[in-house]
Amino acid sequence: MRSFDPQSIQIPKMQRMPSTRGPNDYEDARLHKTISAGLPRNISSQHLIFSSDVAITAAISFISAICCDSRGNLLFAWGSISNSTDPCAAETEAALFSICCAQSLNVEHLCLAGDSKDNH
């Protein structure tokens, strides 16, 4: 297994998610419901929630980070490609990617959320 260097993570240019209503309202509502359902309860309104996920293929992984406010409203989303193909390593890299994205926003209060079943 290759060693992972957190300094190698490249944060894509940040883009605010559009808040206008349009033909994707249904998809936006479904995404909001999905994100909100997995959020920890009793989060302070000062906190931003950063969740990460990964999709693994035989050759590479796609990692993502999503930033929501304490009510589950989607604020930012990032994505990147990784060379990790080991599920645990890729989930770890996705979590570090979330932290780097939070750092790029100068966030002081955050909560990290993930769906990995291999958290030890």
C-alpha atoms as a PDB file:
ATOM      1  CA  MET A   1       0.000   0.000   0.000  1.00  0.00           C
ATOM      2  CA  ARG A   2       1.377   3.414  -0.925  1.00  0.00           C
ATOM      3  CA  SER A   3       1.909   6.020   1.761  1.00  0.00           C
ATOM      4  CA  PHE A   4      -0.434   8.979   1.758  1.00  0.00           C
ATOM      5  CA  ASP A   5       0.803  12.556   1.879  1.00  0.00           C
ATOM      6  CA  PRO A   6      -1.904  15.022   3.041  1.00  0.00           C
ATOM      7  CA  GLN A   7       0.053  17.823   1.346  1.00  0.00           C
ATOM      8  CA  SER A   8      -0.658  16.174  -2.013  1.00  0.00           C
ATOM      9  CA  ILE A   9      -4.381  16.943  -1.809  1.00  0.00           C
ATOM     10  CA  GLN A  10      -5.365  19.567  -4.342  1.00  0.00           C
ATOM     11  CA  ILE A  11      -8.471  21.540  -3.390  1.00  0.00           C
ATOM     12  CA  PRO A  12     -10.505  22.445  -6.473  1.00  0.00           C
ATOM     13  CA  LYS A  13     -11.650  26.022  -6.854  1.00  0.00           C
ATOM     14  CA  MET A  14     -14.538  26.534  -4.460  1.00  0.00           C
ATOM     15  CA  GLN A  15     -17.948  27.214  -5.927  1.00  0.00           C
ATOM     16  CA  ARG A  16     -21.048  28.094  -3.960  1.00  0.00           C
ATOM     17  CA  MET A  17     -23.973  25.837  -4.743  1.00  0.00           C
ATOM     18  CA  PRO A  18     -26.723  27.712  -6.613  1.00  0.00           C
ATOM     19  CA  SER A  19     -29.764  28.567  -4.520  1.00  0.00           C
ATOM     20  CA  THR A  20     -32.094  29.375  -7.402  1.00  0.00           C
ATOM     21  CA  ARG A  21     -35.121  27.218  -8.061  1.00  0.00           C
ATOM     22  CA  GLY A  22     -35.387  25.498 -11.390  1.00  0.00           C
ATOM     23  CA  PRO A  23     -35.948  22.179 -13.133  1.00  0.00           C
ATOM     24  CA  ASN A  24     -33.797  20.303 -10.591  1.00  0.00           C
ATOM     25  CA  ASP A  25     -35.969  21.163  -7.568  1.00  0.00           C
ATOM     26  CA  TYR A  26     -36.914  17.511  -7.040  1.00  0.00           C
ATOM     27  CA  GLU A  27     -33.282  16.404  -7.131  1.00  0.00           C
ATOM     28  CA  ASP A  28     -32.272  19.238  -4.776  1.00  0.00           C
ATOM     29  CA  ALA A  29     -35.005  18.234  -2.317  1.00  0.00           C
ATOM     30  CA  ARG A  30     -33.977  14.567  -2.445  1.00  0.00           C
ATOM     31  CA  LEU A  31     -30.322  15.475  -1.921  1.00  0.00           C
ATOM     32  CA  HIS A  32     -31.218  17.772   0.991  1.00  0.00           C
ATOM     33  CA  LYS A  33     -33.318  15.021   2.590  1.00  0.00           C
ATOM     34  CA  THR A  34     -30.509  12.493   2.141  1.00  0.00           C
ATOM     35  CA  ILE A  35     -27.901  14.815   3.641  1.00  0.00           C
ATOM     36  CA  SER A  36     -30.158  15.905   6.513  1.00  0.00           C
ATOM     37  CA  ALA A  37     -31.059  12.320   7.453  1.00  0.00           C
ATOM     38  CA  GLY A  38     -27.447  11.444   8.211  1.00  0.00           C
ATOM     39  CA  LEU A  39     -26.560  14.543  10.210  1.00  0.00           C
ATOM     40  CA  PRO A  40     -25.777  14.320  13.894  1.00  0.00           C
ATOM     41  CA  ARG A  41     -28.455  15.849  16.110  1.00  0.00           C
ATOM     42  CA  ASN A  42     -27.998  18.839  18.434  1.00  0.00           C
ATOM     43  CA  ILE A  43     -25.365  20.569  16.310  1.00  0.00           C
ATOM     44  CA  SER A  44     -24.722  24.199  17.206  1.00  0.00           C
ATOM     45  CA  SER A  45     -25.752  26.714  14.561  1.00  0.00           C
ATOM     46  CA  GLN A  46     -22.115  27.908  14.543  1.00  0.00           C
ATOM     47  CA  HIS A  47     -20.918  24.560  13.193  1.00  0.00           C
ATOM     48  CA  LEU A  48     -20.599  23.537   9.578  1.00  0.00           C
ATOM     49  CA  ILE A  49     -20.902  19.834   8.810  1.00  0.00           C
ATOM     50  CA  PHE A  50     -18.413  18.303   6.401  1.00  0.00           C
ATOM     51  CA  SER A  51     -19.223  14.860   5.074  1.00  0.00           C
ATOM     52  CA  SER A  52     -17.027  12.785   2.823  1.00  0.00           C
ATOM     53  CA  ASP A  53     -17.526   9.795   0.597  1.00  0.00           C
ATOM     54  CA  VAL A  54     -15.628   7.740  -1.926  1.00  0.00           C
ATOM     55  CA  ALA A  55     -16.405   5.668  -5.012  1.00  0.00           C
ATOM     56  CA  ILE A  56     -13.744   3.071  -5.790  1.00  0.00           C
ATOM     57  CA  THR A  57     -12.937   1.473  -9.138  1.00  0.00           C
ATOM     58  CA  ALA A  58     -10.244  -1.091  -9.916  1.00  0.00           C
ATOM     59  CA  ALA A  59      -7.741   1.647 -10.825  1.00  0.00           C
ATOM     60  CA  ILE A  60      -8.726   4.874  -9.015  1.00  0.00           C
ATOM     61  CA  SER A  61     -11.100   6.405  -6.492  1.00  0.00           C
ATOM     62  CA  PHE A  62     -13.339   9.416  -6.676  1.00  0.00           C
ATOM     63  CA  ILE A  63     -13.498  11.326  -3.393  1.00  0.00           C
ATOM     64  CA  SER A  64     -15.967  14.009  -2.430  1.00  0.00           C
ATOM     65  CA  ALA A  65     -16.564  16.462   0.375  1.00  0.00           C
ATOM     66  CA  ILE A  66     -19.841  18.208   1.077  1.00  0.00           C
ATOM     67  CA  CYS A  67     -20.372  21.169   3.402  1.00  0.00           C
ATOM     68  CA  CYS A  68     -23.769  21.793   5.009  1.00  0.00           C
ATOM     69  CA  ASP A  69     -24.981  24.174   7.657  1.00  0.00           C
ATOM     70  CA  SER A  70     -26.397  22.845  10.941  1.00  0.00           C
ATOM     71  CA  ARG A  71     -29.869  22.576   9.368  1.00  0.00           C
ATOM     72  CA  GLY A  72     -28.621  20.379   6.524  1.00  0.00           C
ATOM     73  CA  ASN A  73     -28.657  23.022   3.809  1.00  0.00           C
ATOM     74  CA  LEU A  74     -26.058  22.270   1.148  1.00  0.00           C
ATOM     75  CA  LEU A  75     -23.458  25.059   0.954  1.00  0.00           C
ATOM     76  CA  PHE A  76     -20.424  23.716  -0.907  1.00  0.00           C
ATOM     77  CA  ALA A  77     -19.319  20.545  -2.681  1.00  0.00           C
ATOM     78  CA  TRP A  78     -15.905  19.406  -3.887  1.00  0.00           C
ATOM     79  CA  GLY A  79     -14.612  16.366  -5.737  1.00  0.00           C
ATOM     80  CA  SER A  80     -11.246  14.910  -6.600  1.00  0.00           C
ATOM     81  CA  ILE A  81      -9.585  11.803  -7.994  1.00  0.00           C
ATOM     82  CA  SER A  82      -7.300   9.608  -5.905  1.00  0.00           C
ATOM     83  CA  ASN A  83      -5.009   6.691  -6.695  1.00  0.00           C
ATOM     84  CA  SER A  84      -6.210   4.782  -3.612  1.00  0.00           C
ATOM     85  CA  THR A  85      -8.029   1.537  -4.361  1.00  0.00           C
ATOM     86  CA  ASP A  86      -8.083   0.171  -0.820  1.00  0.00           C
ATOM     87  CA  PRO A  87     -11.494   1.047   0.725  1.00  0.00           C
ATOM     88  CA  CYS A  88     -10.131   1.991   4.159  1.00  0.00           C
ATOM     89  CA  ALA A  89      -7.315   4.115   2.710  1.00  0.00           C
ATOM     90  CA  ALA A  90      -9.700   5.820   0.280  1.00  0.00           C
ATOM     91  CA  GLU A  91     -12.213   6.631   3.059  1.00  0.00           C
ATOM     92  CA  THR A  92      -9.357   8.066   5.122  1.00  0.00           C
ATOM     93  CA  GLU A  93      -8.186  10.159   2.187  1.00  0.00           C
ATOM     94  CA  ALA A  94     -11.762  11.405   1.663  1.00  0.00           C
ATOM     95  CA  ALA A  95     -11.960  12.420   5.339  1.00  0.00           C
ATOM     96  CA  LEU A  96      -8.652  14.297   5.037  1.00  0.00           C
ATOM     97  CA  PHE A  97      -9.971  15.913   1.853  1.00  0.00           C
ATOM     98  CA  SER A  98     -12.967  17.162   3.881  1.00  0.00           C
ATOM     99  CA  ILE A  99     -10.642  18.635   6.490  1.00  0.00           C
ATOM    100  CA  CYS A 100      -8.579  20.377   3.786  1.00  0.00           C
ATOM    101  CA  CYS A 101     -11.773  21.794   2.261  1.00  0.00           C
ATOM    102  CA  ALA A 102     -12.822  23.084   5.692  1.00  0.00           C
ATOM    103  CA  GLN A 103      -9.389  24.645   6.113  1.00  0.00           C
ATOM    104  CA  SER A 104      -9.739  26.380   2.734  1.00  0.00           C
ATOM    105  CA  LEU A 105     -12.884  28.086   4.091  1.00  0.00           C
ATOM    106  CA  ASN A 106     -11.157  29.046   7.379  1.00  0.00           C
ATOM    107  CA  VAL A 107     -13.855  27.195   9.321  1.00  0.00           C
ATOM    108  CA  GLU A 108     -13.453  27.379  13.098  1.00  0.00           C
ATOM    109  CA  HIS A 109     -16.315  25.091  14.203  1.00  0.00           C
ATOM    110  CA  LEU A 110     -16.961  21.919  12.282  1.00  0.00           C
ATOM    111  CA  CYS A 111     -18.372  18.442  12.572  1.00  0.00           C
ATOM    112  CA  LEU A 112     -17.037  15.628  10.390  1.00  0.00           C
ATOM    113  CA  ALA A 113     -19.459  12.988   9.139  1.00  0.00           C
ATOM    114  CA  GLY A 114     -18.786   9.905   7.058  1.00  0.00           C
ATOM    115  CA  ASP A 115     -20.433   6.663   6.070  1.00  0.00           C
ATOM    116  CA  SER A 116     -17.467   4.315   6.319  1.00  0.00           C
ATOM    117  CA  LYS A 117     -18.209   1.045   8.099  1.00  0.00           C
ATOM    118  CA  ASP A 118     -14.470   0.594   8.691  1.00  0.00           C
ATOM    119  CA  ASN A 119     -14.023   3.410  11.221  1.00  0.00           C
ATOM    120  CA  HIS A 120     -11.781   2.030  13.962  1.00  0.00           C
END
